[in-house]
Every structure is written in C-alpha cells, then in structure tokens.
Amino acid sequence: MNTSVNSSVAPVPPNNDDGLLGAALLGAARVSRWLARIGGAMMLVCAILVTLDVVVRAAFKVTYFESFELSTYAFAIATALGLSYALVSRAHIRIEVLYMLLPARRRGWVDLFAYVVLAVCALTLLYWSAQLVLGNYQSGARSNSSLSLPLVIPQGIWLVGLAWFALLSVLYALLGLRLCLRGRPEQAHRQLGVASLEEEIEANVTRKSSP
C-alpha cells in the first residue's frame, strides 16, 4: 500500500485554456505558501515562549508568558493555515490500493470524486466552526485564564484559515469537474492527482539545490 505524503511537490501550472480559474489557483497557491510560513513562524514563537516560561518558572517560581494557552491557540491557527498549502502541494495522504492500477483517464475521475468529497467536508467544517465563533462573539466569551482573552480573536483567525481551505477545495473541485466534462481527465489527474515518484524526486532535488 502506497501513500502520498510529500508536502514539497509544487502545484501543476494550468494550461492556457484553463482561463481565470487556473490563474486564480496559481495565485492561491502562492498565498497558501505564505500562510503556511506564517503558521510555522507562530509555532517557532511558541517554542521560544515555552522555553522562556520553563526558565522563568524554574528561577522565580512564576509563570509569566502564559505559553500553554498561547501555544494552544497557535497550534490550532497554524493547522488551519497549513491546510490550504497541503492541498495545493498535493500533500494530503491518500491510500493508493487500487488507484495506481487504474489508467490515467479513470484516475482523473477518481481525483475529481476525492476533491468533491474534500470540498463537502471542508464546507461542513467551516459552517460549524463559524457557528462556534459566532456564538462566542455574541456571548462575549473569554478564556478562563489570567489573560482573559476574548475567544473570538484566536478563533476568528482560525476561522479565516478554514475558510481559505474551503474556498480552495471548491475551486479545485470545479477545476477537476471542468476538465473531466471537457474530455480531459488525464489533465485533471496531472493537476489534482497523487504526485508521482518522479515528481517527488524532482521536488526534493530542486529544494536541495536551491540556495
């Protein structure tokens, strides 16, 4: 059983006849890359805060930076911001028991089905998350800590990441549907499908050779 787990495979550029949708997805891939970097930077800052908290607690017997609470928010936000980059770089894990046995035309339709299901799940997650954030905003809920932070602030940023992921999921599903209905399921497979071994090797070589 093979799985696709490489997060460094770049999105396949659209053809000229992909129009505004293809161009929008390329722009979205750049935005998603920066969102992932922001999420990674947040985790780095949290690591520093946790380290400082440990040192201060050992030296002065107090907790000053509230690193546990802040790292909880940062982890949730970084995860939400990274979902879209995992999508555009085709890094979400897919089990390939029968997938690799299918011809390219059949794989394109399977990829389309996968993206439609992903879009439905992303939209469902977005809906219920929005209900949670809206409820906390209306009730003025705050964290049960010395920070007493309004929960709508970290949850709102978290919701933005989920909304961006849901939007990209829908756009990729529409791209796959468009290609398949126009008789180009092979191209749908190239742009949406599991990255091949050659693509993963090329991506790793490119990353190692870049300054």
C-alpha atoms as a PDB file:
ATOM      1  CA  MET A   1       0.000   0.000   0.000  1.00  0.00           C
ATOM      2  CA  ASN A   2       1.431   3.333  -1.057  1.00  0.00           C
ATOM      3  CA  THR A   3       0.580   6.776   0.245  1.00  0.00           C
ATOM      4  CA  SER A   4       1.360  10.313  -0.883  1.00  0.00           C
ATOM      5  CA  VAL A   5       2.831  12.332   1.974  1.00  0.00           C
ATOM      6  CA  ASN A   6       5.336  14.720   0.359  1.00  0.00           C
ATOM      7  CA  SER A   7       4.443  18.323   1.121  1.00  0.00           C
ATOM      8  CA  SER A   8       7.073  19.823  -1.201  1.00  0.00           C
ATOM      9  CA  VAL A   9       5.540  18.962  -4.585  1.00  0.00           C
ATOM     10  CA  ALA A  10       4.600  22.171  -6.380  1.00  0.00           C
ATOM     11  CA  PRO A  11       1.167  22.615  -7.981  1.00  0.00           C
ATOM     12  CA  VAL A  12       0.998  21.826 -11.693  1.00  0.00           C
ATOM     13  CA  PRO A  13       0.690  25.062 -13.724  1.00  0.00           C
ATOM     14  CA  PRO A  14      -2.606  25.362 -15.634  1.00  0.00           C
ATOM     15  CA  ASN A  15      -2.808  25.346 -19.395  1.00  0.00           C
ATOM     16  CA  ASN A  16      -3.729  28.479 -21.299  1.00  0.00           C
ATOM     17  CA  ASP A  17      -7.299  27.251 -21.792  1.00  0.00           C
ATOM     18  CA  ASP A  18      -7.842  26.858 -18.042  1.00  0.00           C
ATOM     19  CA  GLY A  19      -8.685  30.552 -18.007  1.00  0.00           C
ATOM     20  CA  LEU A  20      -9.227  32.628 -14.918  1.00  0.00           C
ATOM     21  CA  LEU A  21      -9.841  29.584 -12.734  1.00  0.00           C
ATOM     22  CA  GLY A  22      -6.388  28.174 -13.399  1.00  0.00           C
ATOM     23  CA  ALA A  23      -4.731  31.554 -12.924  1.00  0.00           C
ATOM     24  CA  ALA A  24      -6.650  32.071  -9.681  1.00  0.00           C
ATOM     25  CA  LEU A  25      -5.458  28.725  -8.372  1.00  0.00           C
ATOM     26  CA  LEU A  26      -1.845  29.584  -9.093  1.00  0.00           C
ATOM     27  CA  GLY A  27      -2.244  32.836  -7.195  1.00  0.00           C
ATOM     28  CA  ALA A  28      -3.976  30.970  -4.377  1.00  0.00           C
ATOM     29  CA  ALA A  29      -1.035  28.570  -4.202  1.00  0.00           C
ATOM     30  CA  ARG A  30       1.317  31.485  -3.552  1.00  0.00           C
ATOM     31  CA  VAL A  31      -0.954  32.861  -0.842  1.00  0.00           C
ATOM     32  CA  SER A  32      -1.235  29.410   0.738  1.00  0.00           C
ATOM     33  CA  ARG A  33       2.541  29.079   0.832  1.00  0.00           C
ATOM     34  CA  TRP A  34       2.802  32.325   2.793  1.00  0.00           C
ATOM     35  CA  LEU A  35       0.013  31.274   5.145  1.00  0.00           C
ATOM     36  CA  ALA A  36       1.924  28.071   5.867  1.00  0.00           C
ATOM     37  CA  ARG A  37       5.047  30.101   6.586  1.00  0.00           C
ATOM     38  CA  ILE A  38       3.094  32.314   8.975  1.00  0.00           C
ATOM     39  CA  GLY A  39       1.812  29.213  10.744  1.00  0.00           C
ATOM     40  CA  GLY A  40       5.337  27.845  11.033  1.00  0.00           C
ATOM     41  CA  ALA A  41       6.597  31.161  12.406  1.00  0.00           C
ATOM     42  CA  MET A  42       3.846  31.078  15.025  1.00  0.00           C
ATOM     43  CA  MET A  43       4.966  27.636  16.176  1.00  0.00           C
ATOM     44  CA  LEU A  44       8.560  28.874  16.401  1.00  0.00           C
ATOM     45  CA  VAL A  45       7.485  31.826  18.563  1.00  0.00           C
ATOM     46  CA  CYS A  46       5.513  29.456  20.786  1.00  0.00           C
ATOM     47  CA  ALA A  47       8.565  27.251  21.214  1.00  0.00           C
ATOM     48  CA  ILE A  48      10.523  30.290  22.363  1.00  0.00           C
ATOM     49  CA  LEU A  49       7.771  31.315  24.792  1.00  0.00           C
ATOM     50  CA  VAL A  50       7.562  27.803  26.233  1.00  0.00           C
ATOM     51  CA  THR A  51      11.326  27.788  26.752  1.00  0.00           C
ATOM     52  CA  LEU A  52      11.212  31.175  28.477  1.00  0.00           C
ATOM     53  CA  ASP A  53       8.329  30.037  30.666  1.00  0.00           C
ATOM     54  CA  VAL A  54      10.261  26.964  31.769  1.00  0.00           C
ATOM     55  CA  VAL A  55      13.318  29.049  32.631  1.00  0.00           C
ATOM     56  CA  VAL A  56      11.325  31.730  34.476  1.00  0.00           C
ATOM     57  CA  ARG A  57       9.296  29.130  36.371  1.00  0.00           C
ATOM     58  CA  ALA A  58      12.455  27.338  37.461  1.00  0.00           C
ATOM     59  CA  ALA A  59      14.160  30.559  38.530  1.00  0.00           C
ATOM     60  CA  PHE A  60      11.307  32.597  40.014  1.00  0.00           C
ATOM     61  CA  LYS A  61       8.504  30.043  40.601  1.00  0.00           C
ATOM     62  CA  VAL A  62       6.037  32.011  38.452  1.00  0.00           C
ATOM     63  CA  THR A  63       4.505  31.630  35.007  1.00  0.00           C
ATOM     64  CA  TYR A  64       4.860  34.871  33.120  1.00  0.00           C
ATOM     65  CA  PHE A  65       4.271  34.281  29.410  1.00  0.00           C
ATOM     66  CA  GLU A  66       1.142  32.058  29.534  1.00  0.00           C
ATOM     67  CA  SER A  67       2.820  29.905  26.902  1.00  0.00           C
ATOM     68  CA  PHE A  68       0.448  26.953  27.341  1.00  0.00           C
ATOM     69  CA  GLU A  69      -2.636  28.951  26.406  1.00  0.00           C
ATOM     70  CA  LEU A  70      -0.932  30.864  23.601  1.00  0.00           C
ATOM     71  CA  SER A  71       0.606  27.713  22.119  1.00  0.00           C
ATOM     72  CA  THR A  72      -2.842  26.081  22.106  1.00  0.00           C
ATOM     73  CA  TYR A  73      -4.235  28.921  20.016  1.00  0.00           C
ATOM     74  CA  ALA A  74      -1.154  28.997  17.790  1.00  0.00           C
ATOM     75  CA  PHE A  75      -1.294  25.266  17.092  1.00  0.00           C
ATOM     76  CA  ALA A  76      -4.946  25.451  16.028  1.00  0.00           C
ATOM     77  CA  ILE A  77      -4.304  28.523  13.851  1.00  0.00           C
ATOM     78  CA  ALA A  78      -1.146  27.057  12.281  1.00  0.00           C
ATOM     79  CA  THR A  79      -3.029  23.872  11.437  1.00  0.00           C
ATOM     80  CA  ALA A  80      -5.842  25.817   9.768  1.00  0.00           C
ATOM     81  CA  LEU A  81      -3.389  27.997   7.837  1.00  0.00           C
ATOM     82  CA  GLY A  82      -1.429  24.955   6.685  1.00  0.00           C
ATOM     83  CA  LEU A  83      -4.400  23.006   5.334  1.00  0.00           C
ATOM     84  CA  SER A  84      -4.564  25.028   2.127  1.00  0.00           C
ATOM     85  CA  TYR A  85      -0.849  24.585   1.430  1.00  0.00           C
ATOM     86  CA  ALA A  86      -1.167  20.845   1.935  1.00  0.00           C
ATOM     87  CA  LEU A  87      -3.992  20.951  -0.603  1.00  0.00           C
ATOM     88  CA  VAL A  88      -2.193  22.908  -3.320  1.00  0.00           C
ATOM     89  CA  SER A  89       1.001  20.870  -2.893  1.00  0.00           C
ATOM     90  CA  ARG A  90      -0.982  17.609  -3.024  1.00  0.00           C
ATOM     91  CA  ALA A  91       0.323  16.526   0.376  1.00  0.00           C
ATOM     92  CA  HIS A  92      -2.866  15.163   1.907  1.00  0.00           C
ATOM     93  CA  ILE A  93      -2.460  11.432   2.433  1.00  0.00           C
ATOM     94  CA  ARG A  94      -4.372   9.227   0.017  1.00  0.00           C
ATOM     95  CA  ILE A  95      -4.347   5.438   0.178  1.00  0.00           C
ATOM     96  CA  GLU A  96      -3.483   4.045  -3.247  1.00  0.00           C
ATOM     97  CA  VAL A  97      -4.533   0.404  -3.048  1.00  0.00           C
ATOM     98  CA  LEU A  98      -6.436   0.399  -6.355  1.00  0.00           C
ATOM     99  CA  TYR A  99      -5.701   3.913  -7.556  1.00  0.00           C
ATOM    100  CA  MET A 100      -2.351   3.115  -9.194  1.00  0.00           C
ATOM    101  CA  LEU A 101      -3.886   0.189 -11.094  1.00  0.00           C
ATOM    102  CA  LEU A 102      -6.286   2.465 -12.969  1.00  0.00           C
ATOM    103  CA  PRO A 103      -5.478   4.146 -16.297  1.00  0.00           C
ATOM    104  CA  ALA A 104      -4.904   7.887 -16.264  1.00  0.00           C
ATOM    105  CA  ARG A 105      -8.415   8.653 -17.571  1.00  0.00           C
ATOM    106  CA  ARG A 106     -10.040   6.730 -14.719  1.00  0.00           C
ATOM    107  CA  ARG A 107      -7.707   8.298 -12.170  1.00  0.00           C
ATOM    108  CA  GLY A 108      -8.864  11.756 -13.260  1.00  0.00           C
ATOM    109  CA  TRP A 109     -12.450  10.911 -12.346  1.00  0.00           C
ATOM    110  CA  VAL A 110     -11.346   9.377  -9.055  1.00  0.00           C
ATOM    111  CA  ASP A 111      -9.374  12.534  -8.279  1.00  0.00           C
ATOM    112  CA  LEU A 112     -12.456  14.605  -9.048  1.00  0.00           C
ATOM    113  CA  PHE A 113     -14.528  12.496  -6.647  1.00  0.00           C
ATOM    114  CA  ALA A 114     -11.875  12.916  -3.944  1.00  0.00           C
ATOM    115  CA  TYR A 115     -11.858  16.696  -4.314  1.00  0.00           C
ATOM    116  CA  VAL A 116     -15.655  16.910  -4.273  1.00  0.00           C
ATOM    117  CA  VAL A 117     -15.763  14.905  -1.043  1.00  0.00           C
ATOM    118  CA  LEU A 118     -12.981  17.065   0.397  1.00  0.00           C
ATOM    119  CA  ALA A 119     -14.874  20.240  -0.543  1.00  0.00           C
ATOM    120  CA  VAL A 120     -18.051  18.958   1.123  1.00  0.00           C
ATOM    121  CA  CYS A 121     -16.118  18.101   4.292  1.00  0.00           C
ATOM    122  CA  ALA A 122     -14.313  21.469   4.274  1.00  0.00           C
ATOM    123  CA  LEU A 123     -17.573  23.383   3.856  1.00  0.00           C
ATOM    124  CA  THR A 124     -19.219  21.381   6.642  1.00  0.00           C
ATOM    125  CA  LEU A 125     -16.277  22.078   8.936  1.00  0.00           C
ATOM    126  CA  LEU A 126     -16.402  25.759   8.016  1.00  0.00           C
ATOM    127  CA  TYR A 127     -20.127  26.002   8.748  1.00  0.00           C
ATOM    128  CA  TRP A 128     -19.959  24.509  12.220  1.00  0.00           C
ATOM    129  CA  SER A 129     -16.763  26.394  13.056  1.00  0.00           C
ATOM    130  CA  ALA A 130     -18.441  29.640  12.035  1.00  0.00           C
ATOM    131  CA  GLN A 131     -21.358  28.790  14.315  1.00  0.00           C
ATOM    132  CA  LEU A 132     -18.916  28.294  17.190  1.00  0.00           C
ATOM    133  CA  VAL A 133     -17.118  31.590  16.573  1.00  0.00           C
ATOM    134  CA  LEU A 134     -20.381  33.484  16.132  1.00  0.00           C
ATOM    135  CA  GLY A 135     -21.760  32.056  19.360  1.00  0.00           C
ATOM    136  CA  ASN A 136     -18.653  33.046  21.318  1.00  0.00           C
ATOM    137  CA  TYR A 137     -18.748  36.519  19.774  1.00  0.00           C
ATOM    138  CA  GLN A 138     -22.375  37.051  20.731  1.00  0.00           C
ATOM    139  CA  SER A 139     -21.837  35.800  24.273  1.00  0.00           C
ATOM    140  CA  GLY A 140     -18.561  37.696  24.715  1.00  0.00           C
ATOM    141  CA  ALA A 141     -16.796  34.507  25.814  1.00  0.00           C
ATOM    142  CA  ARG A 142     -13.290  34.897  27.205  1.00  0.00           C
ATOM    143  CA  SER A 143     -10.567  32.422  28.070  1.00  0.00           C
ATOM    144  CA  ASN A 144     -10.601  31.076  31.599  1.00  0.00           C
ATOM    145  CA  SER A 145      -7.096  32.289  32.413  1.00  0.00           C
ATOM    146  CA  SER A 146      -5.198  35.326  33.619  1.00  0.00           C
ATOM    147  CA  LEU A 147      -5.118  36.603  30.032  1.00  0.00           C
ATOM    148  CA  SER A 148      -8.920  36.636  29.840  1.00  0.00           C
ATOM    149  CA  LEU A 149      -8.549  36.821  26.069  1.00  0.00           C
ATOM    150  CA  PRO A 150     -11.763  37.206  24.012  1.00  0.00           C
ATOM    151  CA  LEU A 151     -12.072  33.842  22.295  1.00  0.00           C
ATOM    152  CA  VAL A 152     -13.320  35.444  19.106  1.00  0.00           C
ATOM    153  CA  ILE A 153      -9.786  36.728  18.388  1.00  0.00           C
ATOM    154  CA  PRO A 154      -7.888  33.418  18.080  1.00  0.00           C
ATOM    155  CA  GLN A 155     -10.972  31.601  16.842  1.00  0.00           C
ATOM    156  CA  GLY A 156     -11.566  34.280  14.206  1.00  0.00           C
ATOM    157  CA  ILE A 157      -8.053  33.843  12.806  1.00  0.00           C
ATOM    158  CA  TRP A 158      -8.538  30.085  12.924  1.00  0.00           C
ATOM    159  CA  LEU A 159     -11.802  30.504  11.009  1.00  0.00           C
ATOM    160  CA  VAL A 160     -10.067  32.526   8.284  1.00  0.00           C
ATOM    161  CA  GLY A 161      -7.691  29.625   7.680  1.00  0.00           C
ATOM    162  CA  LEU A 162     -10.585  27.160   7.458  1.00  0.00           C
ATOM    163  CA  ALA A 163     -12.486  29.475   5.102  1.00  0.00           C
ATOM    164  CA  TRP A 164      -9.483  29.778   2.775  1.00  0.00           C
ATOM    165  CA  PHE A 165      -9.093  25.996   2.783  1.00  0.00           C
ATOM    166  CA  ALA A 166     -12.784  25.505   1.986  1.00  0.00           C
ATOM    167  CA  LEU A 167     -12.624  28.035  -0.860  1.00  0.00           C
ATOM    168  CA  LEU A 168      -9.618  26.313  -2.421  1.00  0.00           C
ATOM    169  CA  SER A 169     -11.247  22.912  -2.049  1.00  0.00           C
ATOM    170  CA  VAL A 170     -14.269  24.148  -4.002  1.00  0.00           C
ATOM    171  CA  LEU A 171     -12.096  25.786  -6.681  1.00  0.00           C
ATOM    172  CA  TYR A 172     -10.033  22.641  -7.197  1.00  0.00           C
ATOM    173  CA  ALA A 173     -13.184  20.541  -7.385  1.00  0.00           C
ATOM    174  CA  LEU A 174     -14.570  22.926 -10.021  1.00  0.00           C
ATOM    175  CA  LEU A 175     -11.312  22.725 -11.982  1.00  0.00           C
ATOM    176  CA  GLY A 176     -11.434  18.924 -11.941  1.00  0.00           C
ATOM    177  CA  LEU A 177     -15.093  18.913 -12.969  1.00  0.00           C
ATOM    178  CA  ARG A 178     -14.391  21.302 -15.809  1.00  0.00           C
ATOM    179  CA  LEU A 179     -11.506  19.240 -17.144  1.00  0.00           C
ATOM    180  CA  CYS A 180     -13.341  15.921 -16.870  1.00  0.00           C
ATOM    181  CA  LEU A 181     -16.505  17.216 -18.542  1.00  0.00           C
ATOM    182  CA  ARG A 182     -14.396  18.640 -21.381  1.00  0.00           C
ATOM    183  CA  GLY A 183     -12.909  15.207 -22.019  1.00  0.00           C
ATOM    184  CA  ARG A 184      -9.548  15.872 -20.354  1.00  0.00           C
ATOM    185  CA  PRO A 185      -9.490  13.567 -17.316  1.00  0.00           C
ATOM    186  CA  GLU A 186      -5.775  12.908 -17.915  1.00  0.00           C
ATOM    187  CA  GLN A 187      -5.043  16.584 -17.343  1.00  0.00           C
ATOM    188  CA  ALA A 188      -7.282  16.515 -14.261  1.00  0.00           C
ATOM    189  CA  HIS A 189      -5.154  13.674 -12.959  1.00  0.00           C
ATOM    190  CA  ARG A 190      -1.918  15.586 -13.658  1.00  0.00           C
ATOM    191  CA  GLN A 191      -3.156  18.660 -11.784  1.00  0.00           C
ATOM    192  CA  LEU A 192      -5.147  17.056  -8.980  1.00  0.00           C
ATOM    193  CA  GLY A 193      -3.813  13.550  -8.647  1.00  0.00           C
ATOM    194  CA  VAL A 194      -1.314  11.955  -6.323  1.00  0.00           C
ATOM    195  CA  ALA A 195       2.215  13.145  -7.045  1.00  0.00           C
ATOM    196  CA  SER A 196       4.245  10.567  -8.915  1.00  0.00           C
ATOM    197  CA  LEU A 197       7.566   9.254  -7.658  1.00  0.00           C
ATOM    198  CA  GLU A 198       9.344  11.235 -10.381  1.00  0.00           C
ATOM    199  CA  GLU A 199       7.647  14.466  -9.253  1.00  0.00           C
ATOM    200  CA  GLU A 200       8.630  13.862  -5.629  1.00  0.00           C
ATOM    201  CA  ILE A 201      12.251  13.154  -6.596  1.00  0.00           C
ATOM    202  CA  GLU A 202      12.369  16.274  -8.795  1.00  0.00           C
ATOM    203  CA  ALA A 203      10.861  18.399  -5.993  1.00  0.00           C
ATOM    204  CA  ASN A 204      13.404  17.111  -3.462  1.00  0.00           C
ATOM    205  CA  VAL A 205      16.330  17.677  -5.856  1.00  0.00           C
ATOM    206  CA  THR A 206      15.100  21.209  -6.610  1.00  0.00           C
ATOM    207  CA  ARG A 207      14.724  22.019  -2.926  1.00  0.00           C
ATOM    208  CA  LYS A 208      18.210  20.736  -2.074  1.00  0.00           C
ATOM    209  CA  SER A 209      19.860  22.576  -4.972  1.00  0.00           C
ATOM    210  CA  SER A 210      18.136  25.899  -4.263  1.00  0.00           C
ATOM    211  CA  PRO A 211      20.167  28.451  -2.221  1.00  0.00           C
END
